[in-house]
mmCIF file of all heavy atoms, coordinates in Angstrom:
data_MODEL
# 
_entry.id   MODEL 
# 
loop_
_atom_site.group_PDB 
_atom_site.id 
_atom_site.type_symbol 
_atom_site.label_atom_id 
_atom_site.label_alt_id 
_atom_site.label_comp_id 
_atom_site.label_asym_id 
_atom_site.label_entity_id 
_atom_site.label_seq_id 
_atom_site.pdbx_PDB_ins_code 
_atom_site.Cartn_x 
_atom_site.Cartn_y 
_atom_site.Cartn_z 
_atom_site.occupancy 
_atom_site.B_iso_or_equiv 
_atom_site.pdbx_formal_charge 
_atom_site.auth_seq_id 
_atom_site.auth_comp_id 
_atom_site.auth_asym_id 
_atom_site.auth_atom_id 
_atom_site.pdbx_PDB_model_num 
ATOM 1   N N   . ALA A 1 1  ? 121.952 84.951  119.351 1.00 0.00 ? 1  ALA A N   1 
ATOM 2   C CA  . ALA A 1 1  ? 121.190 85.848  120.303 1.00 0.00 ? 1  ALA A CA  1 
ATOM 3   C C   . ALA A 1 1  ? 122.192 86.418  121.310 1.00 0.00 ? 1  ALA A C   1 
ATOM 4   O O   . ALA A 1 1  ? 122.926 85.892  122.047 1.00 0.00 ? 1  ALA A O   1 
ATOM 5   C CB  . ALA A 1 1  ? 120.206 85.004  120.990 1.00 0.00 ? 1  ALA A CB  1 
ATOM 6   N N   . PRO A 1 2  ? 122.244 87.774  121.248 1.00 0.00 ? 2  PRO A N   1 
ATOM 7   C CA  . PRO A 1 2  ? 123.110 88.494  122.229 1.00 0.00 ? 2  PRO A CA  1 
ATOM 8   C C   . PRO A 1 2  ? 122.546 88.348  123.658 1.00 0.00 ? 2  PRO A C   1 
ATOM 9   O O   . PRO A 1 2  ? 121.346 88.447  123.854 1.00 0.00 ? 2  PRO A O   1 
ATOM 10  C CB  . PRO A 1 2  ? 123.037 90.008  121.797 1.00 0.00 ? 2  PRO A CB  1 
ATOM 11  C CG  . PRO A 1 2  ? 122.487 90.053  120.480 1.00 0.00 ? 2  PRO A CG  1 
ATOM 12  C CD  . PRO A 1 2  ? 121.660 88.774  120.379 1.00 0.00 ? 2  PRO A CD  1 
ATOM 13  N N   . THR A 1 3  ? 123.435 87.982  124.644 1.00 0.00 ? 3  THR A N   1 
ATOM 14  C CA  . THR A 1 3  ? 123.066 87.981  125.960 1.00 0.00 ? 3  THR A CA  1 
ATOM 15  C C   . THR A 1 3  ? 122.715 89.298  126.568 1.00 0.00 ? 3  THR A C   1 
ATOM 16  O O   . THR A 1 3  ? 122.927 90.295  125.964 1.00 0.00 ? 3  THR A O   1 
ATOM 17  C CB  . THR A 1 3  ? 124.037 87.323  126.861 1.00 0.00 ? 3  THR A CB  1 
ATOM 18  O OG1 . THR A 1 3  ? 125.256 88.208  126.826 1.00 0.00 ? 3  THR A OG1 1 
ATOM 19  C CG2 . THR A 1 3  ? 124.443 85.822  126.286 1.00 0.00 ? 3  THR A CG2 1 
ATOM 20  N N   . ASP A 1 4  ? 122.137 89.206  127.781 1.00 0.00 ? 4  ASP A N   1 
ATOM 21  C CA  . ASP A 1 4  ? 121.887 90.569  128.477 1.00 0.00 ? 4  ASP A CA  1 
ATOM 22  C C   . ASP A 1 4  ? 123.152 91.321  128.654 1.00 0.00 ? 4  ASP A C   1 
ATOM 23  O O   . ASP A 1 4  ? 123.191 92.567  128.562 1.00 0.00 ? 4  ASP A O   1 
ATOM 24  C CB  . ASP A 1 4  ? 121.121 90.225  129.814 1.00 0.00 ? 4  ASP A CB  1 
ATOM 25  C CG  . ASP A 1 4  ? 119.660 89.682  129.544 1.00 0.00 ? 4  ASP A CG  1 
ATOM 26  O OD1 . ASP A 1 4  ? 119.087 90.010  128.586 1.00 0.00 ? 4  ASP A OD1 1 
ATOM 27  O OD2 . ASP A 1 4  ? 119.256 89.014  130.479 1.00 0.00 ? 4  ASP A OD2 1 
ATOM 28  N N   . GLU A 1 5  ? 124.240 90.581  128.848 1.00 0.00 ? 5  GLU A N   1 
ATOM 29  C CA  . GLU A 1 5  ? 125.548 91.228  129.070 1.00 0.00 ? 5  GLU A CA  1 
ATOM 30  C C   . GLU A 1 5  ? 125.957 91.853  127.800 1.00 0.00 ? 5  GLU A C   1 
ATOM 31  O O   . GLU A 1 5  ? 126.613 92.972  127.952 1.00 0.00 ? 5  GLU A O   1 
ATOM 32  C CB  . GLU A 1 5  ? 126.528 90.257  129.582 1.00 0.00 ? 5  GLU A CB  1 
ATOM 33  C CG  . GLU A 1 5  ? 126.318 89.833  131.052 1.00 0.00 ? 5  GLU A CG  1 
ATOM 34  C CD  . GLU A 1 5  ? 126.490 90.986  131.993 1.00 0.00 ? 5  GLU A CD  1 
ATOM 35  O OE1 . GLU A 1 5  ? 127.380 91.710  131.894 1.00 0.00 ? 5  GLU A OE1 1 
ATOM 36  O OE2 . GLU A 1 5  ? 125.529 91.004  132.847 1.00 0.00 ? 5  GLU A OE2 1 
ATOM 37  N N   . ALA A 1 6  ? 125.686 91.172  126.735 1.00 0.00 ? 6  ALA A N   1 
ATOM 38  C CA  . ALA A 1 6  ? 126.067 91.815  125.364 1.00 0.00 ? 6  ALA A CA  1 
ATOM 39  C C   . ALA A 1 6  ? 125.441 93.183  125.198 1.00 0.00 ? 6  ALA A C   1 
ATOM 40  O O   . ALA A 1 6  ? 126.009 94.148  124.658 1.00 0.00 ? 6  ALA A O   1 
ATOM 41  C CB  . ALA A 1 6  ? 125.743 90.869  124.404 1.00 0.00 ? 6  ALA A CB  1 
ATOM 42  N N   . PHE A 1 7  ? 124.150 93.298  125.584 1.00 0.00 ? 7  PHE A N   1 
ATOM 43  C CA  . PHE A 1 7  ? 123.472 94.499  125.382 1.00 0.00 ? 7  PHE A CA  1 
ATOM 44  C C   . PHE A 1 7  ? 123.941 95.657  126.331 1.00 0.00 ? 7  PHE A C   1 
ATOM 45  O O   . PHE A 1 7  ? 123.964 96.713  125.871 1.00 0.00 ? 7  PHE A O   1 
ATOM 46  C CB  . PHE A 1 7  ? 121.898 94.298  125.616 1.00 0.00 ? 7  PHE A CB  1 
ATOM 47  C CG  . PHE A 1 7  ? 121.185 93.802  124.436 1.00 0.00 ? 7  PHE A CG  1 
ATOM 48  C CD1 . PHE A 1 7  ? 120.930 92.506  124.245 1.00 0.00 ? 7  PHE A CD1 1 
ATOM 49  C CD2 . PHE A 1 7  ? 120.760 94.706  123.392 1.00 0.00 ? 7  PHE A CD2 1 
ATOM 50  C CE1 . PHE A 1 7  ? 120.245 91.980  123.133 1.00 0.00 ? 7  PHE A CE1 1 
ATOM 51  C CE2 . PHE A 1 7  ? 120.102 94.175  122.228 1.00 0.00 ? 7  PHE A CE2 1 
ATOM 52  C CZ  . PHE A 1 7  ? 119.915 92.815  122.007 1.00 0.00 ? 7  PHE A CZ  1 
ATOM 53  N N   . LYS A 1 8  ? 124.414 95.231  127.285 1.00 0.00 ? 8  LYS A N   1 
ATOM 54  C CA  . LYS A 1 8  ? 125.021 96.127  128.341 1.00 0.00 ? 8  LYS A CA  1 
ATOM 55  C C   . LYS A 1 8  ? 126.281 96.917  127.775 1.00 0.00 ? 8  LYS A C   1 
ATOM 56  O O   . LYS A 1 8  ? 126.659 97.887  128.227 1.00 0.00 ? 8  LYS A O   1 
ATOM 57  C CB  . LYS A 1 8  ? 125.433 95.557  129.664 1.00 0.00 ? 8  LYS A CB  1 
ATOM 58  C CG  . LYS A 1 8  ? 124.109 95.194  130.473 1.00 0.00 ? 8  LYS A CG  1 
ATOM 59  C CD  . LYS A 1 8  ? 124.434 94.485  131.710 1.00 0.00 ? 8  LYS A CD  1 
ATOM 60  C CE  . LYS A 1 8  ? 123.196 94.091  132.518 1.00 0.00 ? 8  LYS A CE  1 
ATOM 61  N NZ  . LYS A 1 8  ? 123.443 93.377  133.757 1.00 0.00 ? 8  LYS A NZ  1 
ATOM 62  N N   . LYS A 1 9  ? 126.922 96.215  126.707 1.00 0.00 ? 9  LYS A N   1 
ATOM 63  C CA  . LYS A 1 9  ? 128.225 96.664  126.210 1.00 0.00 ? 9  LYS A CA  1 
ATOM 64  C C   . LYS A 1 9  ? 127.863 97.842  125.183 1.00 0.00 ? 9  LYS A C   1 
ATOM 65  O O   . LYS A 1 9  ? 128.790 98.521  124.797 1.00 0.00 ? 9  LYS A O   1 
ATOM 66  C CB  . LYS A 1 9  ? 128.916 95.504  125.487 1.00 0.00 ? 9  LYS A CB  1 
ATOM 67  C CG  . LYS A 1 9  ? 129.532 94.579  126.517 1.00 0.00 ? 9  LYS A CG  1 
ATOM 68  C CD  . LYS A 1 9  ? 130.219 93.482  125.636 1.00 0.00 ? 9  LYS A CD  1 
ATOM 69  C CE  . LYS A 1 9  ? 130.670 92.393  126.503 1.00 0.00 ? 9  LYS A CE  1 
ATOM 70  N NZ  . LYS A 1 9  ? 131.360 91.308  125.616 1.00 0.00 ? 9  LYS A NZ  1 
ATOM 71  N N   . LEU A 1 10 ? 126.599 98.029  124.791 1.00 0.00 ? 10 LEU A N   1 
ATOM 72  C CA  . LEU A 1 10 ? 126.239 99.053  123.852 1.00 0.00 ? 10 LEU A CA  1 
ATOM 73  C C   . LEU A 1 10 ? 126.597 100.342 124.514 1.00 0.00 ? 10 LEU A C   1 
ATOM 74  O O   . LEU A 1 10 ? 126.449 100.574 125.692 1.00 0.00 ? 10 LEU A O   1 
ATOM 75  C CB  . LEU A 1 10 ? 124.780 98.973  123.384 1.00 0.00 ? 10 LEU A CB  1 
ATOM 76  C CG  . LEU A 1 10 ? 124.417 97.758  122.584 1.00 0.00 ? 10 LEU A CG  1 
ATOM 77  C CD1 . LEU A 1 10 ? 122.847 97.657  122.372 1.00 0.00 ? 10 LEU A CD1 1 
ATOM 78  C CD2 . LEU A 1 10 ? 125.169 97.798  121.243 1.00 0.00 ? 10 LEU A CD2 1 
ATOM 79  N N   . THR A 1 11 ? 126.837 101.488 123.609 1.00 0.00 ? 11 THR A N   1 
ATOM 80  C CA  . THR A 1 11 ? 127.052 102.802 124.196 1.00 0.00 ? 11 THR A CA  1 
ATOM 81  C C   . THR A 1 11 ? 125.755 103.227 124.859 1.00 0.00 ? 11 THR A C   1 
ATOM 82  O O   . THR A 1 11 ? 124.644 102.855 124.454 1.00 0.00 ? 11 THR A O   1 
ATOM 83  C CB  . THR A 1 11 ? 127.410 103.778 123.069 1.00 0.00 ? 11 THR A CB  1 
ATOM 84  O OG1 . THR A 1 11 ? 126.355 103.794 122.047 1.00 0.00 ? 11 THR A OG1 1 
ATOM 85  C CG2 . THR A 1 11 ? 128.719 103.361 122.387 1.00 0.00 ? 11 THR A CG2 1 
ATOM 86  N N   . ALA A 1 12 ? 125.877 104.098 125.807 1.00 0.00 ? 12 ALA A N   1 
ATOM 87  C CA  . ALA A 1 12 ? 124.777 104.492 126.652 1.00 0.00 ? 12 ALA A CA  1 
ATOM 88  C C   . ALA A 1 12 ? 123.716 105.174 125.711 1.00 0.00 ? 12 ALA A C   1 
ATOM 89  O O   . ALA A 1 12 ? 124.018 105.941 124.893 1.00 0.00 ? 12 ALA A O   1 
ATOM 90  C CB  . ALA A 1 12 ? 125.220 105.573 127.650 1.00 0.00 ? 12 ALA A CB  1 
ATOM 91  N N   . GLY A 1 13 ? 122.451 104.761 125.896 1.00 0.00 ? 13 GLY A N   1 
ATOM 92  C CA  . GLY A 1 13 ? 121.316 105.311 125.230 1.00 0.00 ? 13 GLY A CA  1 
ATOM 93  C C   . GLY A 1 13 ? 121.122 104.572 123.743 1.00 0.00 ? 13 GLY A C   1 
ATOM 94  O O   . GLY A 1 13 ? 120.113 104.777 123.162 1.00 0.00 ? 13 GLY A O   1 
ATOM 95  N N   . ALA A 1 14 ? 122.047 103.849 123.328 1.00 0.00 ? 14 ALA A N   1 
ATOM 96  C CA  . ALA A 1 14 ? 121.893 103.150 121.918 1.00 0.00 ? 14 ALA A CA  1 
ATOM 97  C C   . ALA A 1 14 ? 120.715 102.292 122.044 1.00 0.00 ? 14 ALA A C   1 
ATOM 98  O O   . ALA A 1 14 ? 119.942 102.252 121.023 1.00 0.00 ? 14 ALA A O   1 
ATOM 99  C CB  . ALA A 1 14 ? 123.131 102.437 121.605 1.00 0.00 ? 14 ALA A CB  1 
ATOM 100 N N   . TYR A 1 15 ? 120.501 101.385 122.961 1.00 0.00 ? 15 TYR A N   1 
ATOM 101 C CA  . TYR A 1 15 ? 119.383 100.465 122.957 1.00 0.00 ? 15 TYR A CA  1 
ATOM 102 C C   . TYR A 1 15 ? 118.098 101.224 123.021 1.00 0.00 ? 15 TYR A C   1 
ATOM 103 O O   . TYR A 1 15 ? 117.161 100.915 122.181 1.00 0.00 ? 15 TYR A O   1 
ATOM 104 C CB  . TYR A 1 15 ? 119.445 99.424  124.122 1.00 0.00 ? 15 TYR A CB  1 
ATOM 105 C CG  . TYR A 1 15 ? 118.366 98.478  124.111 1.00 0.00 ? 15 TYR A CG  1 
ATOM 106 C CD1 . TYR A 1 15 ? 118.162 97.480  123.198 1.00 0.00 ? 15 TYR A CD1 1 
ATOM 107 C CD2 . TYR A 1 15 ? 117.398 98.567  125.274 1.00 0.00 ? 15 TYR A CD2 1 
ATOM 108 C CE1 . TYR A 1 15 ? 117.219 96.627  123.255 1.00 0.00 ? 15 TYR A CE1 1 
ATOM 109 C CE2 . TYR A 1 15 ? 116.362 97.639  125.358 1.00 0.00 ? 15 TYR A CE2 1 
ATOM 110 C CZ  . TYR A 1 15 ? 116.318 96.640  124.268 1.00 0.00 ? 15 TYR A CZ  1 
ATOM 111 O OH  . TYR A 1 15 ? 115.228 95.904  124.333 1.00 0.00 ? 15 TYR A OH  1 
ATOM 112 N N   . ASP A 1 16 ? 118.006 102.322 123.853 1.00 0.00 ? 16 ASP A N   1 
ATOM 113 C CA  . ASP A 1 16 ? 116.845 103.036 124.008 1.00 0.00 ? 16 ASP A CA  1 
ATOM 114 C C   . ASP A 1 16 ? 116.422 103.699 122.696 1.00 0.00 ? 16 ASP A C   1 
ATOM 115 O O   . ASP A 1 16 ? 115.300 103.807 122.230 1.00 0.00 ? 16 ASP A O   1 
ATOM 116 C CB  . ASP A 1 16 ? 116.900 104.116 125.083 1.00 0.00 ? 16 ASP A CB  1 
ATOM 117 C CG  . ASP A 1 16 ? 116.965 103.408 126.481 1.00 0.00 ? 16 ASP A CG  1 
ATOM 118 O OD1 . ASP A 1 16 ? 116.272 102.337 126.624 1.00 0.00 ? 16 ASP A OD1 1 
ATOM 119 O OD2 . ASP A 1 16 ? 117.546 103.985 127.405 1.00 0.00 ? 16 ASP A OD2 1 
ATOM 120 N N   . SER A 1 17 ? 117.476 104.189 121.980 1.00 0.00 ? 17 SER A N   1 
ATOM 121 C CA  . SER A 1 17 ? 117.368 104.876 120.752 1.00 0.00 ? 17 SER A CA  1 
ATOM 122 C C   . SER A 1 17 ? 116.749 103.820 119.652 1.00 0.00 ? 17 SER A C   1 
ATOM 123 O O   . SER A 1 17 ? 115.885 104.067 118.900 1.00 0.00 ? 17 SER A O   1 
ATOM 124 C CB  . SER A 1 17 ? 118.638 105.352 120.222 1.00 0.00 ? 17 SER A CB  1 
ATOM 125 O OG  . SER A 1 17 ? 118.549 106.020 118.975 1.00 0.00 ? 17 SER A OG  1 
ATOM 126 N N   . LEU A 1 18 ? 117.308 102.595 119.687 1.00 0.00 ? 18 LEU A N   1 
ATOM 127 C CA  . LEU A 1 18 ? 116.855 101.483 118.780 1.00 0.00 ? 18 LEU A CA  1 
ATOM 128 C C   . LEU A 1 18 ? 115.342 101.144 119.038 1.00 0.00 ? 18 LEU A C   1 
ATOM 129 O O   . LEU A 1 18 ? 114.506 101.005 118.111 1.00 0.00 ? 18 LEU A O   1 
ATOM 130 C CB  . LEU A 1 18 ? 117.594 100.157 118.972 1.00 0.00 ? 18 LEU A CB  1 
ATOM 131 C CG  . LEU A 1 18 ? 118.665 99.820  117.995 1.00 0.00 ? 18 LEU A CG  1 
ATOM 132 C CD1 . LEU A 1 18 ? 119.241 98.448  118.361 1.00 0.00 ? 18 LEU A CD1 1 
ATOM 133 C CD2 . LEU A 1 18 ? 118.174 99.818  116.650 1.00 0.00 ? 18 LEU A CD2 1 
ATOM 134 N N   . LEU A 1 19 ? 114.946 101.087 120.190 1.00 0.00 ? 19 LEU A N   1 
ATOM 135 C CA  . LEU A 1 19 ? 113.563 100.859 120.682 1.00 0.00 ? 19 LEU A CA  1 
ATOM 136 C C   . LEU A 1 19 ? 112.604 101.951 120.046 1.00 0.00 ? 19 LEU A C   1 
ATOM 137 O O   . LEU A 1 19 ? 111.424 101.592 119.807 1.00 0.00 ? 19 LEU A O   1 
ATOM 138 C CB  . LEU A 1 19 ? 113.317 100.760 122.104 1.00 0.00 ? 19 LEU A CB  1 
ATOM 139 C CG  . LEU A 1 19 ? 113.892 99.538  122.877 1.00 0.00 ? 19 LEU A CG  1 
ATOM 140 C CD1 . LEU A 1 19 ? 113.765 99.706  124.396 1.00 0.00 ? 19 LEU A CD1 1 
ATOM 141 C CD2 . LEU A 1 19 ? 113.398 98.306  122.258 1.00 0.00 ? 19 LEU A CD2 1 
ATOM 142 N N   . LYS A 1 20 ? 113.094 103.162 119.820 1.00 0.00 ? 20 LYS A N   1 
ATOM 143 C CA  . LYS A 1 20 ? 112.247 104.163 119.280 1.00 0.00 ? 20 LYS A CA  1 
ATOM 144 C C   . LYS A 1 20 ? 112.153 104.105 117.743 1.00 0.00 ? 20 LYS A C   1 
ATOM 145 O O   . LYS A 1 20 ? 111.323 104.753 117.216 1.00 0.00 ? 20 LYS A O   1 
ATOM 146 C CB  . LYS A 1 20 ? 112.797 105.554 119.780 1.00 0.00 ? 20 LYS A CB  1 
ATOM 147 C CG  . LYS A 1 20 ? 112.677 105.768 121.223 1.00 0.00 ? 20 LYS A CG  1 
ATOM 148 C CD  . LYS A 1 20 ? 113.155 107.052 121.618 1.00 0.00 ? 20 LYS A CD  1 
ATOM 149 C CE  . LYS A 1 20 ? 113.233 107.192 123.206 1.00 0.00 ? 20 LYS A CE  1 
ATOM 150 N NZ  . LYS A 1 20 ? 114.073 108.231 123.709 1.00 0.00 ? 20 LYS A NZ  1 
ATOM 151 N N   . ASP A 1 21 ? 113.059 103.438 117.278 1.00 0.00 ? 21 ASP A N   1 
ATOM 152 C CA  . ASP A 1 21 ? 112.983 103.186 115.784 1.00 0.00 ? 21 ASP A CA  1 
ATOM 153 C C   . ASP A 1 21 ? 112.812 101.783 115.315 1.00 0.00 ? 21 ASP A C   1 
ATOM 154 O O   . ASP A 1 21 ? 113.789 101.045 115.132 1.00 0.00 ? 21 ASP A O   1 
ATOM 155 C CB  . ASP A 1 21 ? 114.458 103.708 115.241 1.00 0.00 ? 21 ASP A CB  1 
ATOM 156 C CG  . ASP A 1 21 ? 114.478 103.539 113.646 1.00 0.00 ? 21 ASP A CG  1 
ATOM 157 O OD1 . ASP A 1 21 ? 113.624 103.126 112.936 1.00 0.00 ? 21 ASP A OD1 1 
ATOM 158 O OD2 . ASP A 1 21 ? 115.444 104.265 113.126 1.00 0.00 ? 21 ASP A OD2 1 
ATOM 159 N N   . THR A 1 22 ? 111.587 101.299 115.365 1.00 0.00 ? 22 THR A N   1 
ATOM 160 C CA  . THR A 1 22 ? 111.297 99.883  115.142 1.00 0.00 ? 22 THR A CA  1 
ATOM 161 C C   . THR A 1 22 ? 111.741 99.222  113.862 1.00 0.00 ? 22 THR A C   1 
ATOM 162 O O   . THR A 1 22 ? 112.162 98.141  113.804 1.00 0.00 ? 22 THR A O   1 
ATOM 163 C CB  . THR A 1 22 ? 109.841 99.587  115.354 1.00 0.00 ? 22 THR A CB  1 
ATOM 164 O OG1 . THR A 1 22 ? 109.036 100.432 114.412 1.00 0.00 ? 22 THR A OG1 1 
ATOM 165 C CG2 . THR A 1 22 ? 109.242 99.827  116.716 1.00 0.00 ? 22 THR A CG2 1 
ATOM 166 N N   . GLY A 1 23 ? 111.826 100.154 112.782 1.00 0.00 ? 23 GLY A N   1 
ATOM 167 C CA  . GLY A 1 23 ? 112.374 99.639  111.561 1.00 0.00 ? 23 GLY A CA  1 
ATOM 168 C C   . GLY A 1 23 ? 113.843 99.299  111.607 1.00 0.00 ? 23 GLY A C   1 
ATOM 169 O O   . GLY A 1 23 ? 114.193 98.200  111.095 1.00 0.00 ? 23 GLY A O   1 
ATOM 170 N N   . LYS A 1 24 ? 114.703 100.127 112.260 1.00 0.00 ? 24 LYS A N   1 
ATOM 171 C CA  . LYS A 1 24 ? 115.996 99.792  112.523 1.00 0.00 ? 24 LYS A CA  1 
ATOM 172 C C   . LYS A 1 24 ? 116.204 98.608  113.351 1.00 0.00 ? 24 LYS A C   1 
ATOM 173 O O   . LYS A 1 24 ? 117.016 97.748  113.228 1.00 0.00 ? 24 LYS A O   1 
ATOM 174 C CB  . LYS A 1 24 ? 116.838 101.056 113.001 1.00 0.00 ? 24 LYS A CB  1 
ATOM 175 C CG  . LYS A 1 24 ? 118.259 100.784 112.958 1.00 0.00 ? 24 LYS A CG  1 
ATOM 176 C CD  . LYS A 1 24 ? 119.041 102.137 113.102 1.00 0.00 ? 24 LYS A CD  1 
ATOM 177 C CE  . LYS A 1 24 ? 120.505 101.861 112.826 1.00 0.00 ? 24 LYS A CE  1 
ATOM 178 N NZ  . LYS A 1 24 ? 121.345 103.065 112.795 1.00 0.00 ? 24 LYS A NZ  1 
ATOM 179 N N   . LEU A 1 25 ? 115.373 98.627  114.535 1.00 0.00 ? 25 LEU A N   1 
ATOM 180 C CA  . LEU A 1 25 ? 115.459 97.564  115.500 1.00 0.00 ? 25 LEU A CA  1 
ATOM 181 C C   . LEU A 1 25 ? 115.187 96.205  114.759 1.00 0.00 ? 25 LEU A C   1 
ATOM 182 O O   . LEU A 1 25 ? 115.977 95.280  114.998 1.00 0.00 ? 25 LEU A O   1 
ATOM 183 C CB  . LEU A 1 25 ? 114.449 97.795  116.605 1.00 0.00 ? 25 LEU A CB  1 
ATOM 184 C CG  . LEU A 1 25 ? 114.305 96.732  117.736 1.00 0.00 ? 25 LEU A CG  1 
ATOM 185 C CD1 . LEU A 1 25 ? 115.635 96.496  118.414 1.00 0.00 ? 25 LEU A CD1 1 
ATOM 186 C CD2 . LEU A 1 25 ? 113.117 97.022  118.606 1.00 0.00 ? 25 LEU A CD2 1 
ATOM 187 N N   . LYS A 1 26 ? 114.211 96.144  113.879 1.00 0.00 ? 26 LYS A N   1 
ATOM 188 C CA  . LYS A 1 26 ? 113.829 94.959  113.197 1.00 0.00 ? 26 LYS A CA  1 
ATOM 189 C C   . LYS A 1 26 ? 115.062 94.609  112.252 1.00 0.00 ? 26 LYS A C   1 
ATOM 190 O O   . LYS A 1 26 ? 115.369 93.328  112.285 1.00 0.00 ? 26 LYS A O   1 
ATOM 191 C CB  . LYS A 1 26 ? 112.601 95.138  112.446 1.00 0.00 ? 26 LYS A CB  1 
ATOM 192 C CG  . LYS A 1 26 ? 112.060 93.932  111.746 1.00 0.00 ? 26 LYS A CG  1 
ATOM 193 C CD  . LYS A 1 26 ? 110.692 94.137  111.045 1.00 0.00 ? 26 LYS A CD  1 
ATOM 194 C CE  . LYS A 1 26 ? 110.120 92.913  110.547 1.00 0.00 ? 26 LYS A CE  1 
ATOM 195 N NZ  . LYS A 1 26 ? 108.816 93.043  109.996 1.00 0.00 ? 26 LYS A NZ  1 
ATOM 196 N N   . ALA A 1 27 ? 115.653 95.560  111.586 1.00 0.00 ? 27 ALA A N   1 
ATOM 197 C CA  . ALA A 1 27 ? 116.772 95.225  110.842 1.00 0.00 ? 27 ALA A CA  1 
ATOM 198 C C   . ALA A 1 27 ? 117.951 94.665  111.602 1.00 0.00 ? 27 ALA A C   1 
ATOM 199 O O   . ALA A 1 27 ? 118.581 93.723  111.219 1.00 0.00 ? 27 ALA A O   1 
ATOM 200 C CB  . ALA A 1 27 ? 117.276 96.408  110.006 1.00 0.00 ? 27 ALA A CB  1 
ATOM 201 N N   . VAL A 1 28 ? 118.197 95.237  112.714 1.00 0.00 ? 28 VAL A N   1 
ATOM 202 C CA  . VAL A 1 28 ? 119.329 94.794  113.591 1.00 0.00 ? 28 VAL A CA  1 
ATOM 203 C C   . VAL A 1 28 ? 119.107 93.402  114.061 1.00 0.00 ? 28 VAL A C   1 
ATOM 204 O O   . VAL A 1 28 ? 119.898 92.573  113.978 1.00 0.00 ? 28 VAL A O   1 
ATOM 205 C CB  . VAL A 1 28 ? 119.537 95.798  114.738 1.00 0.00 ? 28 VAL A CB  1 
ATOM 206 C CG1 . VAL A 1 28 ? 120.560 95.126  115.812 1.00 0.00 ? 28 VAL A CG1 1 
ATOM 207 C CG2 . VAL A 1 28 ? 120.154 97.078  114.188 1.00 0.00 ? 28 VAL A CG2 1 
ATOM 208 N N   . LEU A 1 29 ? 117.907 93.081  114.499 1.00 0.00 ? 29 LEU A N   1 
ATOM 209 C CA  . LEU A 1 29 ? 117.602 91.802  115.115 1.00 0.00 ? 29 LEU A CA  1 
ATOM 210 C C   . LEU A 1 29 ? 117.522 90.779  113.973 1.00 0.00 ? 29 LEU A C   1 
ATOM 211 O O   . LEU A 1 29 ? 118.056 89.638  114.120 1.00 0.00 ? 29 LEU A O   1 
ATOM 212 C CB  . LEU A 1 29 ? 116.151 91.703  115.712 1.00 0.00 ? 29 LEU A CB  1 
ATOM 213 C CG  . LEU A 1 29 ? 116.106 92.594  117.104 1.00 0.00 ? 29 LEU A CG  1 
ATOM 214 C CD1 . LEU A 1 29 ? 114.732 92.663  117.582 1.00 0.00 ? 29 LEU A CD1 1 
ATOM 215 C CD2 . LEU A 1 29 ? 117.144 92.031  118.074 1.00 0.00 ? 29 LEU A CD2 1 
ATOM 216 N N   . ASN A 1 30 ? 117.044 91.058  112.753 1.00 0.00 ? 30 ASN A N   1 
ATOM 217 C CA  . ASN A 1 30 ? 117.142 90.178  111.614 1.00 0.00 ? 30 ASN A CA  1 
ATOM 218 C C   . ASN A 1 30 ? 118.536 89.811  111.148 1.00 0.00 ? 30 ASN A C   1 
ATOM 219 O O   . ASN A 1 30 ? 118.738 88.831  110.522 1.00 0.00 ? 30 ASN A O   1 
ATOM 220 C CB  . ASN A 1 30 ? 116.348 90.626  110.487 1.00 0.00 ? 30 ASN A CB  1 
ATOM 221 C CG  . ASN A 1 30 ? 114.818 90.312  110.594 1.00 0.00 ? 30 ASN A CG  1 
ATOM 222 O OD1 . ASN A 1 30 ? 114.459 89.221  111.101 1.00 0.00 ? 30 ASN A OD1 1 
ATOM 223 N ND2 . ASN A 1 30 ? 113.957 91.232  110.180 1.00 0.00 ? 30 ASN A ND2 1 
# 
């Protein structure tokens, strides 16, 4: 499990972009 700090290392907007694509989000989490 990535910590909150780990998610902050993503490029700006990458996490928000993932949230809009649930298929890719699910694949990344799996």
